[in-house]
Amino acid sequence: MWNEIGRLKQKLITQFVDRNTKTISPKNCQSVEMYFNSEKMAKTIGRVAEKTPEVGEIVSGLLVKKAFTYQIMALDDLHVFSQLCTTNISQKITITYTGAFGVLKHRLKQIFESVESLPDEEFEGRAFGVHERLTVKYESEKHISLHWRSDPISDMVSDSVVTLVLNISHEIPKVAVESEEATKTEEENN
């Protein structure tokens, strides 16, 4: 058996003499470490490939791997150049909230930079947006609802708002006092 391995080794050495190859024949159960240097290259296709980037310019898109090839493409080109498709997930959660809607808006303004009233005739102005990612709507005297399109940042904002609503619900006596102060502050600002 060893002679056959030795002959194979010699045959490989003579066959690949002109290349930079190293042929080894380890003993049984001897570990062998091999290092492979491989560069990974991705081709840009679709809208991403329309403009040649300058040296050092960042190319932005989706990296899609199929077998051993990589392609960078725009999100809108995904269904054209692959069998993949995208979808948007809209989420809604209804939370029990018995406090004043103005207090909730005031508390959210203390945490978030952008809390804006939304024109919503169905709820008679009782809806507002948080960072243009999340909509908070007054549903009834006992419920509010949060609406958002799912993505990591919007999910984080919605988690923060839910946490704030649940914390306010546990602090009803304190919220009642702050509600009066918030109403007075809003009246003074208007």
C-alpha atoms as a PDB file:
ATOM      1  CA  MET A   1       0.000   0.000   0.000  1.00  0.00           C
ATOM      2  CA  TRP A   2       2.782   2.415   0.917  1.00  0.00           C
ATOM      3  CA  ASN A   3       4.445   1.862  -2.446  1.00  0.00           C
ATOM      4  CA  GLU A   4       1.251   2.847  -4.233  1.00  0.00           C
ATOM      5  CA  ILE A   5       1.074   6.103  -2.242  1.00  0.00           C
ATOM      6  CA  GLY A   6       4.756   6.741  -2.998  1.00  0.00           C
ATOM      7  CA  ARG A   7       4.194   6.175  -6.711  1.00  0.00           C
ATOM      8  CA  LEU A   8       1.193   8.505  -6.668  1.00  0.00           C
ATOM      9  CA  LYS A   9       3.287  11.159  -4.950  1.00  0.00           C
ATOM     10  CA  GLN A  10       6.080  10.834  -7.535  1.00  0.00           C
ATOM     11  CA  LYS A  11       3.587  10.944 -10.405  1.00  0.00           C
ATOM     12  CA  LEU A  12       2.028  14.153  -9.007  1.00  0.00           C
ATOM     13  CA  ILE A  13       5.475  15.747  -8.520  1.00  0.00           C
ATOM     14  CA  THR A  14       6.508  15.018 -12.109  1.00  0.00           C
ATOM     15  CA  GLN A  15       3.129  16.022 -13.539  1.00  0.00           C
ATOM     16  CA  PHE A  16       3.051  19.404 -11.753  1.00  0.00           C
ATOM     17  CA  VAL A  17       6.783  20.200 -11.811  1.00  0.00           C
ATOM     18  CA  ASP A  18       6.267  23.496 -13.630  1.00  0.00           C
ATOM     19  CA  ARG A  19       3.763  24.776 -11.058  1.00  0.00           C
ATOM     20  CA  ASN A  20       4.361  25.963  -7.540  1.00  0.00           C
ATOM     21  CA  THR A  21       2.912  22.904  -5.819  1.00  0.00           C
ATOM     22  CA  LYS A  22       3.935  20.976  -2.768  1.00  0.00           C
ATOM     23  CA  THR A  23       3.088  17.296  -2.525  1.00  0.00           C
ATOM     24  CA  ILE A  24       3.079  15.560   0.827  1.00  0.00           C
ATOM     25  CA  SER A  25       2.218  12.049   1.935  1.00  0.00           C
ATOM     26  CA  PRO A  26       1.359  12.063   5.630  1.00  0.00           C
ATOM     27  CA  LYS A  27       1.265   8.972   7.776  1.00  0.00           C
ATOM     28  CA  ASN A  28      -2.095   7.597   8.899  1.00  0.00           C
ATOM     29  CA  CYS A  29      -3.875   9.817  11.466  1.00  0.00           C
ATOM     30  CA  GLN A  30      -1.315  12.605  11.029  1.00  0.00           C
ATOM     31  CA  SER A  31      -3.004  16.002  10.840  1.00  0.00           C
ATOM     32  CA  VAL A  32      -2.218  18.245   7.906  1.00  0.00           C
ATOM     33  CA  GLU A  33      -2.899  21.975   7.735  1.00  0.00           C
ATOM     34  CA  MET A  34      -3.447  23.569   4.355  1.00  0.00           C
ATOM     35  CA  TYR A  35      -3.886  27.258   3.693  1.00  0.00           C
ATOM     36  CA  PHE A  36      -5.816  28.553   0.716  1.00  0.00           C
ATOM     37  CA  ASN A  37      -5.728  32.160  -0.332  1.00  0.00           C
ATOM     38  CA  SER A  38      -8.834  32.958  -2.276  1.00  0.00           C
ATOM     39  CA  GLU A  39     -10.091  36.352  -3.248  1.00  0.00           C
ATOM     40  CA  LYS A  40     -13.812  36.791  -3.365  1.00  0.00           C
ATOM     41  CA  MET A  41     -15.134  38.973  -6.127  1.00  0.00           C
ATOM     42  CA  ALA A  42     -18.663  40.213  -6.707  1.00  0.00           C
ATOM     43  CA  LYS A  43     -20.087  41.435  -9.980  1.00  0.00           C
ATOM     44  CA  THR A  44     -22.386  44.439 -10.005  1.00  0.00           C
ATOM     45  CA  ILE A  45     -25.493  44.008 -12.124  1.00  0.00           C
ATOM     46  CA  GLY A  46     -28.609  46.001 -12.945  1.00  0.00           C
ATOM     47  CA  ARG A  47     -28.926  49.579 -11.724  1.00  0.00           C
ATOM     48  CA  VAL A  48     -25.837  49.280  -9.547  1.00  0.00           C
ATOM     49  CA  ALA A  49     -23.744  48.543 -12.661  1.00  0.00           C
ATOM     50  CA  GLU A  50     -25.059  51.518 -14.644  1.00  0.00           C
ATOM     51  CA  LYS A  51     -22.461  53.857 -13.126  1.00  0.00           C
ATOM     52  CA  THR A  52     -18.797  52.958 -12.785  1.00  0.00           C
ATOM     53  CA  PRO A  53     -17.677  53.832  -9.253  1.00  0.00           C
ATOM     54  CA  GLU A  54     -14.610  55.951  -8.613  1.00  0.00           C
ATOM     55  CA  VAL A  55     -11.673  54.494  -6.685  1.00  0.00           C
ATOM     56  CA  GLY A  56     -12.602  54.402  -2.996  1.00  0.00           C
ATOM     57  CA  GLU A  57     -16.302  55.089  -3.663  1.00  0.00           C
ATOM     58  CA  ILE A  58     -18.700  52.901  -1.704  1.00  0.00           C
ATOM     59  CA  VAL A  59     -21.045  50.702  -3.736  1.00  0.00           C
ATOM     60  CA  SER A  60     -24.339  50.033  -2.002  1.00  0.00           C
ATOM     61  CA  GLY A  61     -26.725  47.185  -2.784  1.00  0.00           C
ATOM     62  CA  LEU A  62     -27.697  43.647  -1.918  1.00  0.00           C
ATOM     63  CA  LEU A  63     -25.021  40.960  -1.989  1.00  0.00           C
ATOM     64  CA  VAL A  64     -26.504  37.758  -3.417  1.00  0.00           C
ATOM     65  CA  LYS A  65     -24.550  34.483  -3.352  1.00  0.00           C
ATOM     66  CA  LYS A  66     -25.479  31.704  -5.740  1.00  0.00           C
ATOM     67  CA  ALA A  67     -23.219  28.641  -5.798  1.00  0.00           C
ATOM     68  CA  PHE A  68     -19.736  30.201  -5.769  1.00  0.00           C
ATOM     69  CA  THR A  69     -20.590  33.501  -7.452  1.00  0.00           C
ATOM     70  CA  TYR A  70     -21.442  36.797  -5.802  1.00  0.00           C
ATOM     71  CA  GLN A  71     -23.531  39.588  -7.298  1.00  0.00           C
ATOM     72  CA  ILE A  72     -24.307  43.082  -6.029  1.00  0.00           C
ATOM     73  CA  MET A  73     -27.654  44.458  -7.162  1.00  0.00           C
ATOM     74  CA  ALA A  74     -30.228  47.075  -6.226  1.00  0.00           C
ATOM     75  CA  LEU A  75     -33.180  45.973  -4.124  1.00  0.00           C
ATOM     76  CA  ASP A  76     -35.566  46.682  -7.011  1.00  0.00           C
ATOM     77  CA  ASP A  77     -33.516  44.395  -9.303  1.00  0.00           C
ATOM     78  CA  LEU A  78     -33.671  41.407  -6.949  1.00  0.00           C
ATOM     79  CA  HIS A  79     -36.673  39.751  -8.619  1.00  0.00           C
ATOM     80  CA  VAL A  80     -35.223  40.414 -12.094  1.00  0.00           C
ATOM     81  CA  PHE A  81     -31.787  38.818 -11.593  1.00  0.00           C
ATOM     82  CA  SER A  82     -32.672  36.118  -9.060  1.00  0.00           C
ATOM     83  CA  GLN A  83     -35.549  33.926  -7.997  1.00  0.00           C
ATOM     84  CA  LEU A  84     -35.785  35.844  -4.718  1.00  0.00           C
ATOM     85  CA  CYS A  85     -38.463  38.396  -3.914  1.00  0.00           C
ATOM     86  CA  THR A  86     -39.003  40.990  -1.220  1.00  0.00           C
ATOM     87  CA  THR A  87     -42.008  41.862   0.861  1.00  0.00           C
ATOM     88  CA  ASN A  88     -42.998  44.518   3.370  1.00  0.00           C
ATOM     89  CA  ILE A  89     -44.541  43.581   6.681  1.00  0.00           C
ATOM     90  CA  SER A  90     -46.930  46.055   8.255  1.00  0.00           C
ATOM     91  CA  GLN A  91     -47.511  45.564  11.942  1.00  0.00           C
ATOM     92  CA  LYS A  92     -50.210  46.759  14.294  1.00  0.00           C
ATOM     93  CA  ILE A  93     -50.466  46.326  18.022  1.00  0.00           C
ATOM     94  CA  THR A  94     -53.313  47.475  20.249  1.00  0.00           C
ATOM     95  CA  ILE A  95     -52.394  48.307  23.825  1.00  0.00           C
ATOM     96  CA  THR A  96     -54.573  48.992  26.829  1.00  0.00           C
ATOM     97  CA  TYR A  97     -54.023  52.630  27.805  1.00  0.00           C
ATOM     98  CA  THR A  98     -56.404  54.573  30.034  1.00  0.00           C
ATOM     99  CA  GLY A  99     -54.328  57.714  30.501  1.00  0.00           C
ATOM    100  CA  ALA A 100     -54.679  60.995  28.680  1.00  0.00           C
ATOM    101  CA  PHE A 101     -53.580  60.887  25.052  1.00  0.00           C
ATOM    102  CA  GLY A 102     -51.852  64.269  25.458  1.00  0.00           C
ATOM    103  CA  VAL A 103     -49.707  62.874  28.278  1.00  0.00           C
ATOM    104  CA  LEU A 104     -48.508  60.068  26.040  1.00  0.00           C
ATOM    105  CA  LYS A 105     -47.593  62.542  23.315  1.00  0.00           C
ATOM    106  CA  HIS A 106     -45.812  64.761  25.861  1.00  0.00           C
ATOM    107  CA  ARG A 107     -43.811  61.804  27.223  1.00  0.00           C
ATOM    108  CA  LEU A 108     -42.849  60.676  23.734  1.00  0.00           C
ATOM    109  CA  LYS A 109     -41.639  64.204  22.899  1.00  0.00           C
ATOM    110  CA  GLN A 110     -39.334  63.961  25.913  1.00  0.00           C
ATOM    111  CA  ILE A 111     -37.729  60.831  24.434  1.00  0.00           C
ATOM    112  CA  PHE A 112     -37.925  61.266  20.653  1.00  0.00           C
ATOM    113  CA  GLU A 113     -36.921  64.293  18.596  1.00  0.00           C
ATOM    114  CA  SER A 114     -39.727  63.976  16.064  1.00  0.00           C
ATOM    115  CA  VAL A 115     -43.272  63.499  17.329  1.00  0.00           C
ATOM    116  CA  GLU A 116     -45.743  65.144  14.932  1.00  0.00           C
ATOM    117  CA  SER A 117     -49.552  65.269  14.860  1.00  0.00           C
ATOM    118  CA  LEU A 118     -51.050  63.543  11.828  1.00  0.00           C
ATOM    119  CA  PRO A 119     -54.161  64.661   9.987  1.00  0.00           C
ATOM    120  CA  ASP A 120     -56.550  61.785  10.500  1.00  0.00           C
ATOM    121  CA  GLU A 121     -60.256  62.627  10.128  1.00  0.00           C
ATOM    122  CA  GLU A 122     -61.374  59.212  11.350  1.00  0.00           C
ATOM    123  CA  PHE A 123     -59.716  59.788  14.731  1.00  0.00           C
ATOM    124  CA  GLU A 124     -60.348  63.550  14.767  1.00  0.00           C
ATOM    125  CA  GLY A 125     -56.680  64.460  15.029  1.00  0.00           C
ATOM    126  CA  ARG A 126     -55.999  61.868  17.689  1.00  0.00           C
ATOM    127  CA  ALA A 127     -53.045  60.323  15.893  1.00  0.00           C
ATOM    128  CA  PHE A 128     -49.378  61.231  15.704  1.00  0.00           C
ATOM    129  CA  GLY A 129     -46.228  59.941  14.089  1.00  0.00           C
ATOM    130  CA  VAL A 130     -42.930  59.140  15.748  1.00  0.00           C
ATOM    131  CA  HIS A 131     -39.872  59.713  13.524  1.00  0.00           C
ATOM    132  CA  GLU A 132     -42.038  59.142  10.434  1.00  0.00           C
ATOM    133  CA  ARG A 133     -41.750  55.415  11.189  1.00  0.00           C
ATOM    134  CA  LEU A 134     -44.533  54.714  13.661  1.00  0.00           C
ATOM    135  CA  THR A 135     -48.113  55.947  13.947  1.00  0.00           C
ATOM    136  CA  VAL A 136     -49.826  56.081  17.343  1.00  0.00           C
ATOM    137  CA  LYS A 137     -53.637  56.237  17.098  1.00  0.00           C
ATOM    138  CA  TYR A 138     -56.281  56.796  19.737  1.00  0.00           C
ATOM    139  CA  GLU A 139     -58.693  53.861  19.384  1.00  0.00           C
ATOM    140  CA  SER A 140     -60.952  54.289  22.435  1.00  0.00           C
ATOM    141  CA  GLU A 141     -60.871  55.477  26.024  1.00  0.00           C
ATOM    142  CA  LYS A 142     -59.097  52.257  26.946  1.00  0.00           C
ATOM    143  CA  HIS A 143     -56.952  51.475  23.896  1.00  0.00           C
ATOM    144  CA  ILE A 144     -54.354  52.938  21.570  1.00  0.00           C
ATOM    145  CA  SER A 145     -52.815  51.274  18.541  1.00  0.00           C
ATOM    146  CA  LEU A 146     -49.350  51.422  17.033  1.00  0.00           C
ATOM    147  CA  HIS A 147     -48.844  50.946  13.278  1.00  0.00           C
ATOM    148  CA  TRP A 148     -45.470  50.536  11.542  1.00  0.00           C
ATOM    149  CA  ARG A 149     -43.714  48.918   8.608  1.00  0.00           C
ATOM    150  CA  SER A 150     -41.332  46.330   9.971  1.00  0.00           C
ATOM    151  CA  ASP A 151     -37.602  47.009   9.798  1.00  0.00           C
ATOM    152  CA  PRO A 152     -34.958  46.961  12.533  1.00  0.00           C
ATOM    153  CA  ILE A 153     -35.196  50.676  13.383  1.00  0.00           C
ATOM    154  CA  SER A 154     -39.001  50.878  13.290  1.00  0.00           C
ATOM    155  CA  ASP A 155     -39.212  47.737  15.431  1.00  0.00           C
ATOM    156  CA  MET A 156     -36.874  49.345  17.964  1.00  0.00           C
ATOM    157  CA  VAL A 157     -38.962  52.547  18.018  1.00  0.00           C
ATOM    158  CA  SER A 158     -42.168  50.546  18.490  1.00  0.00           C
ATOM    159  CA  ASP A 159     -40.596  48.543  21.332  1.00  0.00           C
ATOM    160  CA  SER A 160     -39.629  51.806  23.032  1.00  0.00           C
ATOM    161  CA  VAL A 161     -43.133  53.247  22.655  1.00  0.00           C
ATOM    162  CA  VAL A 162     -44.756  50.054  23.977  1.00  0.00           C
ATOM    163  CA  THR A 163     -42.410  50.104  26.968  1.00  0.00           C
ATOM    164  CA  LEU A 164     -43.240  53.750  27.644  1.00  0.00           C
ATOM    165  CA  VAL A 165     -46.998  53.084  27.414  1.00  0.00           C
ATOM    166  CA  LEU A 166     -46.743  50.158  29.818  1.00  0.00           C
ATOM    167  CA  ASN A 167     -44.647  52.229  32.248  1.00  0.00           C
ATOM    168  CA  ILE A 168     -47.131  55.120  32.111  1.00  0.00           C
ATOM    169  CA  SER A 169     -49.983  52.677  32.769  1.00  0.00           C
ATOM    170  CA  HIS A 170     -48.273  51.615  36.009  1.00  0.00           C
ATOM    171  CA  GLU A 171     -47.802  55.244  37.091  1.00  0.00           C
ATOM    172  CA  ILE A 172     -51.417  56.442  36.811  1.00  0.00           C
ATOM    173  CA  PRO A 173     -51.386  58.797  39.869  1.00  0.00           C
ATOM    174  CA  LYS A 174     -48.163  60.487  38.748  1.00  0.00           C
ATOM    175  CA  VAL A 175     -49.414  60.718  35.155  1.00  0.00           C
ATOM    176  CA  ALA A 176     -52.602  62.491  36.243  1.00  0.00           C
ATOM    177  CA  VAL A 177     -50.566  65.330  37.763  1.00  0.00           C
ATOM    178  CA  GLU A 178     -48.260  65.519  34.735  1.00  0.00           C
ATOM    179  CA  SER A 179     -51.321  65.464  32.459  1.00  0.00           C
ATOM    180  CA  GLU A 180     -52.532  68.726  33.919  1.00  0.00           C
ATOM    181  CA  GLU A 181     -49.042  70.243  33.552  1.00  0.00           C
ATOM    182  CA  ALA A 182     -48.720  69.010  29.952  1.00  0.00           C
ATOM    183  CA  THR A 183     -52.136  70.433  29.047  1.00  0.00           C
ATOM    184  CA  LYS A 184     -51.221  73.810  30.561  1.00  0.00           C
ATOM    185  CA  THR A 185     -47.875  73.818  28.709  1.00  0.00           C
ATOM    186  CA  GLU A 186     -49.565  73.021  25.388  1.00  0.00           C
ATOM    187  CA  GLU A 187     -52.184  75.742  25.960  1.00  0.00           C
ATOM    188  CA  GLU A 188     -49.430  78.265  26.747  1.00  0.00           C
ATOM    189  CA  ASN A 189     -47.475  77.297  23.615  1.00  0.00           C
ATOM    190  CA  ASN A 190     -50.550  77.691  21.389  1.00  0.00           C
END
